[in-house]
Every structure is written in structure tokens, then in C-alpha cells.
Protein backbone atom coordinates (compact mmCIF):
# COMPACT_ATOMS: atom_id res chain seq x y z
CA UNK A 1 0.00 0.00 0.00
CA UNK A 2 1.29 3.47 -0.85
CA UNK A 3 2.47 5.11 2.39
CA UNK A 4 1.31 8.60 1.43
CA UNK A 5 -2.19 7.27 0.72
CA UNK A 6 -2.40 5.40 4.01
CA UNK A 7 -1.08 8.43 5.90
CA UNK A 8 -3.74 10.58 4.24
CA UNK A 9 -6.40 8.11 5.34
CA UNK A 10 -5.07 8.22 8.88
CA UNK A 11 -5.23 12.00 8.89
CA UNK A 12 -8.82 11.94 7.64
CA UNK A 13 -9.73 9.48 10.37
CA UNK A 14 -8.14 11.63 13.03
CA UNK A 15 -9.95 14.72 11.78
CA UNK A 16 -13.29 12.95 12.24
CA UNK A 17 -12.50 11.80 15.75
CA UNK A 18 -13.36 14.83 17.84
CA UNK A 19 -16.73 15.40 16.14
CA UNK A 20 -17.89 11.81 16.53
CA UNK A 21 -16.33 10.70 19.79
CA UNK A 22 -18.92 11.94 22.25
CA UNK A 23 -21.77 10.55 20.15
CA UNK A 24 -20.10 7.15 20.10
CA UNK A 25 -19.17 7.00 23.78
CA UNK A 26 -22.39 6.22 25.62
CA UNK A 27 -22.72 7.63 29.08
CA UNK A 28 -19.68 9.88 28.87
CA UNK A 29 -21.59 12.96 29.92
CA UNK A 30 -21.70 16.41 28.35
CA UNK A 31 -20.53 17.31 24.86
CA UNK A 32 -17.09 18.69 25.53
CA UNK A 33 -14.38 17.53 23.17
CA UNK A 34 -12.51 14.44 24.14
CA UNK A 35 -9.66 12.31 23.05
CA UNK A 36 -7.39 9.53 24.08
CA UNK A 37 -3.88 10.84 23.92
CA UNK A 38 -0.98 8.73 24.97
CA UNK A 39 -1.25 5.20 24.36
CA UNK A 40 1.81 3.47 23.36
CA UNK A 41 4.17 3.25 26.14
CA UNK A 42 2.65 5.18 28.86
CA UNK A 43 1.64 2.80 31.51
CA UNK A 44 2.29 3.62 35.07
CA UNK A 45 2.05 -0.04 36.08
CA UNK A 46 5.20 -2.03 36.87
CA UNK A 47 7.27 -2.96 33.84
CA UNK A 48 7.52 -6.67 33.13
CA UNK A 49 10.66 -8.09 31.58
CA UNK A 50 10.71 -10.33 28.55
CA UNK A 51 14.14 -11.86 28.84
CA UNK A 52 16.33 -8.72 28.78
CA UNK A 53 13.77 -6.54 26.99
CA UNK A 54 11.29 -4.47 28.94
CA UNK A 55 7.72 -4.57 27.70
CA UNK A 56 6.41 -1.23 26.52
CA UNK A 57 3.78 0.44 28.62
CA UNK A 58 0.40 1.82 27.73
CA UNK A 59 -1.23 4.99 29.00
CA UNK A 60 -4.14 6.92 27.67
CA UNK A 61 -4.52 10.65 27.78
CA UNK A 62 -8.08 11.83 28.04
CA UNK A 63 -9.62 15.17 27.23
CA UNK A 64 -12.95 14.20 28.74
CA UNK A 65 -13.13 12.96 32.31
CA UNK A 66 -15.96 10.54 31.55
CA UNK A 67 -13.68 8.63 29.20
CA UNK A 68 -11.70 7.27 32.11
CA UNK A 69 -14.32 4.50 32.43
CA UNK A 70 -13.75 3.44 28.84
CA UNK A 71 -10.00 3.91 28.98
CA UNK A 72 -9.55 1.74 32.05
CA UNK A 73 -11.92 -0.91 30.72
CA UNK A 74 -10.02 -0.96 27.43
CA UNK A 75 -6.75 -1.75 29.17
CA UNK A 76 -5.08 1.57 29.93
CA UNK A 77 -2.29 1.28 32.49
CA UNK A 78 -2.34 4.99 33.23
CA UNK A 79 -4.39 8.08 32.48
CA UNK A 80 -3.00 11.45 31.40
CA UNK A 81 -5.19 14.54 31.65
CA UNK A 82 -4.16 17.98 30.36
CA UNK A 83 -5.83 20.81 32.26
CA UNK A 84 -5.10 23.75 30.00
CA UNK A 85 -5.20 27.32 31.27
CA UNK A 86 -8.21 28.05 29.04
CA UNK A 87 -9.93 24.81 30.19
CA UNK A 88 -10.68 23.84 26.59
CA UNK A 89 -10.39 20.10 27.22
CA UNK A 90 -11.23 19.34 30.82
CA UNK A 91 -12.13 21.46 33.82
CA UNK A 92 -11.06 21.62 37.44
CA UNK A 93 -13.96 19.47 38.59
CA UNK A 94 -12.83 16.76 36.17
CA UNK A 95 -9.50 16.51 37.95
CA UNK A 96 -11.36 16.19 41.24
CA UNK A 97 -13.42 13.36 39.77
CA UNK A 98 -10.45 11.60 38.24
CA UNK A 99 -8.46 11.67 41.46
CA UNK A 100 -11.42 10.24 43.35
CA UNK A 101 -12.36 7.53 40.86
CA UNK A 102 -9.24 6.33 39.05
CA UNK A 103 -7.80 2.94 39.80
CA UNK A 104 -4.85 3.58 37.47
CA UNK A 105 -2.20 6.27 38.06
CA UNK A 106 -2.94 9.81 36.92
CA UNK A 107 -0.37 11.84 35.02
CA UNK A 108 -1.32 15.51 35.28
CA UNK A 109 -0.14 17.37 32.18
CA UNK A 110 0.11 21.12 32.68
CA UNK A 111 1.84 24.40 31.96
CA UNK A 112 4.49 25.63 34.39
CA UNK A 113 2.32 28.33 35.97
CA UNK A 114 1.59 29.13 39.63
CA UNK A 115 -2.09 28.28 39.14
CA UNK A 116 -1.34 24.81 37.80
CA UNK A 117 1.32 24.19 40.42
CA UNK A 118 -1.23 24.95 43.15
CA UNK A 119 -3.71 22.50 41.61
CA UNK A 120 -1.07 19.78 41.36
CA UNK A 121 0.06 20.34 44.94
CA UNK A 122 -3.53 20.08 46.14
CA UNK A 123 -4.23 16.81 44.33
CA UNK A 124 -0.75 15.25 44.43
CA UNK A 125 -1.14 13.05 41.32
CA UNK A 126 1.21 10.19 40.65
CA UNK A 127 3.03 12.20 37.98
CA UNK A 128 3.20 15.72 36.58
CA UNK A 129 4.34 16.46 33.02
CA UNK A 130 5.27 20.05 32.19
CA UNK A 131 4.44 21.16 28.66
CA UNK A 132 4.57 24.46 26.76
CA UNK A 133 1.19 26.02 26.17
CA UNK A 134 -0.11 28.74 23.85
CA UNK A 135 -3.75 29.70 23.56
CA UNK A 136 -3.71 29.83 19.76
CA UNK A 137 -2.55 26.22 19.35
CA UNK A 138 -4.97 23.31 18.99
CA UNK A 139 -2.69 20.92 20.82
CA UNK A 140 0.73 21.09 22.42
CA UNK A 141 3.29 22.15 19.83
CA UNK A 142 7.02 21.87 20.40
CA UNK A 143 8.93 21.06 23.54
CA UNK A 144 9.38 23.09 26.69
CA UNK A 145 12.31 25.53 26.69
CA UNK A 146 14.19 24.34 29.77
CA UNK A 147 17.70 25.72 29.18
CA UNK A 148 16.59 29.36 29.08
CA UNK A 149 14.38 28.98 32.17
CA UNK A 150 16.50 26.63 34.20
CA UNK A 151 16.43 28.57 37.47
CA UNK A 152 12.67 29.22 37.38
CA UNK A 153 11.79 25.64 36.49
CA UNK A 154 14.11 24.21 39.14
CA UNK A 155 12.24 26.17 41.80
CA UNK A 156 8.91 25.29 40.18
CA UNK A 157 9.32 21.52 40.29
CA UNK A 158 10.95 21.28 43.73
CA UNK A 159 7.64 21.48 45.68
CA UNK A 160 6.07 18.93 43.33
CA UNK A 161 8.84 16.46 44.01
CA UNK A 162 8.63 17.19 47.73
CA UNK A 163 5.00 16.00 47.85
CA UNK A 164 5.83 12.83 45.91
CA UNK A 165 4.90 13.74 42.32
CA UNK A 166 7.06 12.22 39.63
CA UNK A 167 8.09 15.15 37.42
CA UNK A 168 8.44 14.83 33.65
CA UNK A 169 9.44 17.47 31.09
CA UNK A 170 8.15 17.39 27.50
CA UNK A 171 11.10 18.49 25.36
CA UNK A 172 12.64 18.35 21.92
CA UNK A 173 15.33 15.77 21.23
CA UNK A 174 18.07 18.29 21.95
CA UNK A 175 21.11 17.62 24.12
CA UNK A 176 21.10 21.10 25.65
CA UNK A 177 17.48 20.72 26.78
CA UNK A 178 18.06 17.22 28.13
CA UNK A 179 21.06 18.35 30.16
CA UNK A 180 19.04 21.25 31.58
CA UNK A 181 16.15 18.93 32.50
CA UNK A 182 18.61 16.73 34.36
CA UNK A 183 20.14 19.67 36.21
CA UNK A 184 16.81 21.02 37.45
CA UNK A 185 15.89 17.68 39.01
CA UNK A 186 13.35 16.21 36.59
CA UNK A 187 13.07 12.46 36.91
CA UNK A 188 11.65 11.88 33.45
CA UNK A 189 11.84 13.45 30.00
CA UNK A 190 9.33 12.92 27.22
CA UNK A 191 10.84 13.30 23.76
CA UNK A 192 8.70 15.15 21.22
CA UNK A 193 8.09 12.85 18.22
CA UNK A 194 5.96 15.32 16.26
CA UNK A 195 8.56 16.23 13.64
CA UNK A 196 9.32 12.57 12.96
CA UNK A 197 5.62 11.80 12.48
CA UNK A 198 5.03 14.87 10.32
CA UNK A 199 7.92 14.02 8.01
CA UNK A 200 6.52 10.51 7.62
CA UNK A 201 2.98 11.62 6.83
CA UNK A 202 4.26 14.22 4.33
CA UNK A 203 6.43 11.66 2.54
CA UNK A 204 9.75 13.30 3.46
CA UNK A 205 11.36 10.01 4.32
CA UNK A 206 14.99 11.20 4.33
CA UNK A 207 14.09 13.87 6.88
CA UNK A 208 12.03 11.35 8.83
CA UNK A 209 14.96 8.96 9.04
CA UNK A 210 17.33 11.74 10.12
CA UNK A 211 14.91 12.77 12.87
CA UNK A 212 14.61 9.15 13.97
CA UNK A 213 18.40 8.96 14.34
CA UNK A 214 18.35 12.12 16.44
CA UNK A 215 15.58 10.73 18.66
CA UNK A 216 17.48 7.47 19.12
CA UNK A 217 20.70 9.25 20.04
CA UNK A 218 18.99 11.58 22.50
CA UNK A 219 17.07 8.74 24.13
CA UNK A 220 20.38 6.98 24.77
CA UNK A 221 21.97 10.20 26.03
CA UNK A 222 19.13 10.93 28.47
CA UNK A 223 19.25 7.36 29.74
CA UNK A 224 22.99 7.72 30.34
CA UNK A 225 22.22 10.65 32.68
CA UNK A 226 19.85 8.52 34.72
CA UNK A 227 16.67 10.03 33.31
CA UNK A 228 13.68 7.83 32.52
CA UNK A 229 12.80 8.31 28.86
CA UNK A 230 9.28 8.63 27.46
CA UNK A 231 8.22 9.73 23.97
CA UNK A 232 5.10 10.89 22.20
CA UNK A 233 3.16 13.24 19.95
CA UNK A 234 1.56 12.27 16.66
CA UNK A 235 2.42 8.57 16.79
CA UNK A 236 0.32 6.18 14.68
CA UNK A 237 0.32 2.52 13.77
CA UNK A 238 2.74 3.36 10.96
CA UNK A 239 5.23 5.30 13.08
CA UNK A 240 5.10 3.70 16.51
CA UNK A 241 7.31 0.68 15.83
CA UNK A 242 10.55 2.56 15.23
CA UNK A 243 10.16 4.52 18.47
CA UNK A 244 8.96 1.53 20.49
CA UNK A 245 12.12 -0.28 19.45
CA UNK A 246 14.34 2.14 21.40
CA UNK A 247 15.42 0.13 24.47
CA UNK A 248 15.67 3.28 26.61
CA UNK A 249 12.08 4.41 26.06
CA UNK A 250 9.78 3.28 28.84
CA UNK A 251 6.51 4.95 27.86
CA UNK A 252 4.91 6.16 24.66
CA UNK A 253 2.09 8.70 24.67
CA UNK A 254 -0.47 8.28 21.92
CA UNK A 255 -3.90 9.79 21.94
CA UNK A 256 -5.68 11.54 19.12
CA UNK A 257 -4.86 8.77 16.66
CA UNK A 258 -6.31 6.13 18.96
CA UNK A 259 -9.63 7.85 19.44
CA UNK A 260 -9.88 8.24 15.67
CA UNK A 261 -9.20 4.54 15.21
CA UNK A 262 -11.68 3.74 17.98
CA UNK A 263 -14.51 5.14 15.86
CA UNK A 264 -13.83 2.51 13.21
CA UNK A 265 -12.46 -0.39 15.27
CA UNK A 266 -13.75 0.20 18.77
CA UNK A 267 -11.58 1.39 21.64
CA UNK A 268 -10.36 -1.97 22.91
CA UNK A 269 -9.34 -3.29 19.46
CA UNK A 270 -7.60 0.01 18.64
CA UNK A 271 -5.55 -0.19 21.82
CA UNK A 272 -4.89 -3.91 21.36
CA UNK A 273 -3.42 -3.28 17.91
CA UNK A 274 -1.19 -0.52 19.26
CA UNK A 275 0.00 -2.79 22.03
CA UNK A 276 0.71 -5.54 19.51
CA UNK A 277 2.86 -3.23 17.39
CA UNK A 278 4.74 -1.98 20.43
CA UNK A 279 5.53 -5.46 21.73
CA UNK A 280 6.45 -6.66 18.24
CA UNK A 281 8.93 -3.79 17.91
CA UNK A 282 10.50 -4.74 21.25
CA UNK A 283 11.01 -8.40 20.38
């Protein structure tokens, strides 16, 4: 099958997801937009070894609190929720509900602002992931600039670590940013895979392969510093295998693609296929 054609189909499927999701998810609640975001390696459950290879983990990022029922039932090992400053996805009460109801660990994705820090300190989720945020973007674009804000971010994450939150930084595959994340005391980095996925979907395969090399090198570098390595953004069935094959990467975050696939396959089969591809890449 022609890769550009299949990528185009995937994009069309993803574009339909947000409009149809609420109608297809019975009992979810009101009609706010929703999405599963983070599915490939993001499970907060213990990692099981297959000989010397660690099994990839699965987590699901939701943009609708009611979806946690479906996500857990479909086999999510962790839930990620992004409370944006403009509350476009979920609202404060949703975080309250998730903390009260979840059986799986919650990863609270947020901007590095005093308001969000206060919310995280009140709820004390299992993990906090700091991401850049701009009101005009539809979803998170680019990685957090850590090197230029090293002092501020070091002071920002210290109270979160003190209350037991596991702190992750969403960053580009750049050595300077990784070194800065390590210096400020982050325990985890999440490598931004958006450029790699975009190059693939646009048919720029030389650029895609060069970006993949950079991601692989930076995953190994971060691991050498003692950081736990996660990755995500834009991953699909076509692109997940190459990233899942990195031995240093412990979690993959996949969301919008999965909810699009769920419309056609159902949520559990969509997740099962992603899991299959992840495990296959690890073998």
C-alpha cells in the first residue's frame, strides 16, 4: 500500500474523531471535546521483563473525564489529563473526579504556571508532566524551553517532588534541553516525536529517518544521565514501531490517533493493535 495514501487516510480518520467521539461514547456525559492521547508506552504499572527486553507500557490521555471509564476498561495502564489554562479540554472538577475515581495512576499534564502548580500540589497526582502552552494552538506544539528557564523551572518543580509527584518534562530531542532537564531535578523526559511523524505523513522520508536517528541518540543520552525516557506526539500505527524499538524508552504517549481509530475499530481493538505493534517492535 502506498504510504502517502495510508497516511492521508489516517489524517482523515483523526480529523473525524473529535466530532464523533462523544456521540459514540455512551454515558460519557456532556458534549465537551474528548480524546485519548498517549497510548503506546505510557503505563504507570510495573514494567515486566521479557528476557532482557522491557515490555512497553500503555497509557491513555483523556480530554474528557468521563472517558476514564472506557480507557480503564479498554486496558489503559495509566491516564493522562491535560488541564489547560483556558480549560478547553477538561475542567477543574474533572481533575477532582479523576483523582477520586481512578484505579490507574494519573499523570497531570500542565503548563508551568503558579495556578497549575497549586492544583497539582492540592491533588498530588502520581506524575506531573510540564508542557509548553499557547492559547492559539490546537494541541501542544514543540517542547518546553528548559535551558533558558532553568532557574525558574528548578524552583517550580521542587515542591512537586517534595510531595511525591514524579516530574516529567516534554522536550525536543536536543542535548542542551536534556542536560538542563537533568540539572533542574526532573526524573523523566518525554521526547517530542511530532517532527518525525510529520515528516513521515508528508512523505519526506529522508528527513524522517534523520529525525529518527536524532531521537534514538537523544534517548540513549538521556538514559545515560539517569533520566527515565518517554516519547510521544503524533504517533500512529505506521510510526510507533521505530520509536517503540528504542530500548531506553519506557513509555509512549499516543492519543488523538487512537480515538480516531476507535470510531472505526472500537476502543479496545484500537488499543490492542497498538500494544501488539509496540511489543512486536521490542522483540
